[in-house]
Amino acid sequence: MFEAAEFAIGGVSLILLVFGLTEFIKVQFDLKGKAVTTLSASLGFGLMGVYQGLQYVPDPYEAIVTAVVASLAFGLAASGFYKFSTRNG
């Protein structure tokens, strides 16, 4: 069975990262409909490729990939929190 929570890089769930990136890009570029579906599928494909390929990356570079993924997640969380706080206060 497919367990989305099992796929993580540096503790960051890839499925949640796909959701966050899709929402961020959708809003920034005013995407709708099939474009958003294509975007989310492409992001999922790309991030899963990174996840699968990470086992072939030497240690110093693996740490860089992990840092980039964690930084993306932190940036998305910060922008989402900012958007939430300015909308409700």
C-alpha atoms as a PDB file:
ATOM      1  CA  MET A   1       0.000   0.000   0.000  1.00  0.00           C
ATOM      2  CA  PHE A   2       1.160   3.537  -0.774  1.00  0.00           C
ATOM      3  CA  GLU A   3       1.928   5.543   2.361  1.00  0.00           C
ATOM      4  CA  ALA A   4       2.646   9.155   1.401  1.00  0.00           C
ATOM      5  CA  ALA A   5       4.112   9.882   4.845  1.00  0.00           C
ATOM      6  CA  GLU A   6       6.957   7.439   4.189  1.00  0.00           C
ATOM      7  CA  PHE A   7       8.384   9.653   1.449  1.00  0.00           C
ATOM      8  CA  ALA A   8      10.356  12.440   3.086  1.00  0.00           C
ATOM      9  CA  ILE A   9      13.643  14.234   2.647  1.00  0.00           C
ATOM     10  CA  GLY A  10      15.187  15.701   5.761  1.00  0.00           C
ATOM     11  CA  GLY A  11      11.955  15.117   7.652  1.00  0.00           C
ATOM     12  CA  VAL A  12       9.914  17.048   5.064  1.00  0.00           C
ATOM     13  CA  SER A  13       6.978  15.106   3.638  1.00  0.00           C
ATOM     14  CA  LEU A  14       7.191  15.233  -0.136  1.00  0.00           C
ATOM     15  CA  ILE A  15       3.419  15.099  -0.611  1.00  0.00           C
ATOM     16  CA  LEU A  16       2.986  18.125   1.658  1.00  0.00           C
ATOM     17  CA  LEU A  17       5.770  19.891  -0.223  1.00  0.00           C
ATOM     18  CA  VAL A  18       3.945  19.209  -3.507  1.00  0.00           C
ATOM     19  CA  PHE A  19       0.731  20.648  -2.017  1.00  0.00           C
ATOM     20  CA  GLY A  20       2.536  23.740  -0.743  1.00  0.00           C
ATOM     21  CA  LEU A  21       4.492  24.377  -3.933  1.00  0.00           C
ATOM     22  CA  THR A  22       1.406  23.840  -6.084  1.00  0.00           C
ATOM     23  CA  GLU A  23      -0.633  26.313  -4.057  1.00  0.00           C
ATOM     24  CA  PHE A  24       2.168  28.890  -4.006  1.00  0.00           C
ATOM     25  CA  ILE A  25       2.796  28.696  -7.773  1.00  0.00           C
ATOM     26  CA  LYS A  26      -0.937  28.586  -8.537  1.00  0.00           C
ATOM     27  CA  VAL A  27      -1.523  31.836  -6.663  1.00  0.00           C
ATOM     28  CA  GLN A  28       1.599  33.593  -7.990  1.00  0.00           C
ATOM     29  CA  PHE A  29       0.812  32.821 -11.640  1.00  0.00           C
ATOM     30  CA  ASP A  30      -3.015  32.783 -11.385  1.00  0.00           C
ATOM     31  CA  LEU A  31      -3.259  29.211 -12.687  1.00  0.00           C
ATOM     32  CA  LYS A  32      -6.521  27.310 -12.890  1.00  0.00           C
ATOM     33  CA  GLY A  33      -7.930  23.955 -13.999  1.00  0.00           C
ATOM     34  CA  LYS A  34      -5.764  21.640 -16.052  1.00  0.00           C
ATOM     35  CA  ALA A  35      -2.702  23.847 -15.628  1.00  0.00           C
ATOM     36  CA  VAL A  36      -2.804  23.254 -11.860  1.00  0.00           C
ATOM     37  CA  THR A  37      -3.287  19.514 -12.357  1.00  0.00           C
ATOM     38  CA  THR A  38      -0.315  19.407 -14.724  1.00  0.00           C
ATOM     39  CA  LEU A  39       1.752  21.501 -12.322  1.00  0.00           C
ATOM     40  CA  SER A  40       1.052  19.246  -9.334  1.00  0.00           C
ATOM     41  CA  ALA A  41       1.742  16.084 -11.337  1.00  0.00           C
ATOM     42  CA  SER A  42       5.021  17.551 -12.611  1.00  0.00           C
ATOM     43  CA  LEU A  43       6.102  18.631  -9.139  1.00  0.00           C
ATOM     44  CA  GLY A  44       5.251  15.204  -7.739  1.00  0.00           C
ATOM     45  CA  PHE A  45       7.156  13.505 -10.544  1.00  0.00           C
ATOM     46  CA  GLY A  46      10.187  15.738 -10.043  1.00  0.00           C
ATOM     47  CA  LEU A  47      10.319  15.453  -6.271  1.00  0.00           C
ATOM     48  CA  MET A  48       9.855  11.683  -6.380  1.00  0.00           C
ATOM     49  CA  GLY A  49      12.696  11.537  -8.884  1.00  0.00           C
ATOM     50  CA  VAL A  50      14.885  13.495  -6.474  1.00  0.00           C
ATOM     51  CA  TYR A  51      13.835  11.166  -3.643  1.00  0.00           C
ATOM     52  CA  GLN A  52      14.625   8.043  -5.664  1.00  0.00           C
ATOM     53  CA  GLY A  53      17.905   9.461  -6.963  1.00  0.00           C
ATOM     54  CA  LEU A  54      19.109  10.618  -3.557  1.00  0.00           C
ATOM     55  CA  GLN A  55      20.492   7.151  -2.813  1.00  0.00           C
ATOM     56  CA  TYR A  56      23.000   7.604  -5.660  1.00  0.00           C
ATOM     57  CA  VAL A  57      24.207  11.041  -4.546  1.00  0.00           C
ATOM     58  CA  PRO A  58      27.460  11.227  -2.541  1.00  0.00           C
ATOM     59  CA  ASP A  59      27.161  12.407   1.077  1.00  0.00           C
ATOM     60  CA  PRO A  60      28.209  16.049   0.756  1.00  0.00           C
ATOM     61  CA  TYR A  61      25.700  16.606  -2.066  1.00  0.00           C
ATOM     62  CA  GLU A  62      22.958  14.702  -0.286  1.00  0.00           C
ATOM     63  CA  ALA A  63      23.232  17.224   2.546  1.00  0.00           C
ATOM     64  CA  ILE A  64      22.801  20.061   0.040  1.00  0.00           C
ATOM     65  CA  VAL A  65      19.673  18.473  -1.454  1.00  0.00           C
ATOM     66  CA  THR A  66      18.278  17.955   2.056  1.00  0.00           C
ATOM     67  CA  ALA A  67      19.001  21.588   2.943  1.00  0.00           C
ATOM     68  CA  VAL A  68      17.290  22.838  -0.226  1.00  0.00           C
ATOM     69  CA  VAL A  69      14.170  20.756   0.448  1.00  0.00           C
ATOM     70  CA  ALA A  70      14.014  21.898   4.087  1.00  0.00           C
ATOM     71  CA  SER A  71      14.508  25.515   3.004  1.00  0.00           C
ATOM     72  CA  LEU A  72      11.689  25.236   0.465  1.00  0.00           C
ATOM     73  CA  ALA A  73       9.369  23.882   3.144  1.00  0.00           C
ATOM     74  CA  PHE A  74      10.359  26.627   5.590  1.00  0.00           C
ATOM     75  CA  GLY A  75       9.880  29.335   2.963  1.00  0.00           C
ATOM     76  CA  LEU A  76       6.444  28.017   2.029  1.00  0.00           C
ATOM     77  CA  ALA A  77       5.440  27.839   5.683  1.00  0.00           C
ATOM     78  CA  ALA A  78       6.619  31.405   6.254  1.00  0.00           C
ATOM     79  CA  SER A  79       4.770  32.771   3.221  1.00  0.00           C
ATOM     80  CA  GLY A  80       1.611  30.877   4.186  1.00  0.00           C
ATOM     81  CA  PHE A  81       1.778  32.176   7.741  1.00  0.00           C
ATOM     82  CA  TYR A  82       2.311  35.726   6.495  1.00  0.00           C
ATOM     83  CA  LYS A  83      -0.641  35.454   4.115  1.00  0.00           C
ATOM     84  CA  PHE A  84      -2.823  34.040   6.899  1.00  0.00           C
ATOM     85  CA  SER A  85      -1.805  36.728   9.403  1.00  0.00           C
ATOM     86  CA  THR A  86      -2.397  39.631   7.013  1.00  0.00           C
ATOM     87  CA  ARG A  87      -5.771  38.264   5.936  1.00  0.00           C
ATOM     88  CA  ASN A  88      -7.032  37.796   9.507  1.00  0.00           C
ATOM     89  CA  GLY A  89      -5.596  40.667  11.389  1.00  0.00           C
END
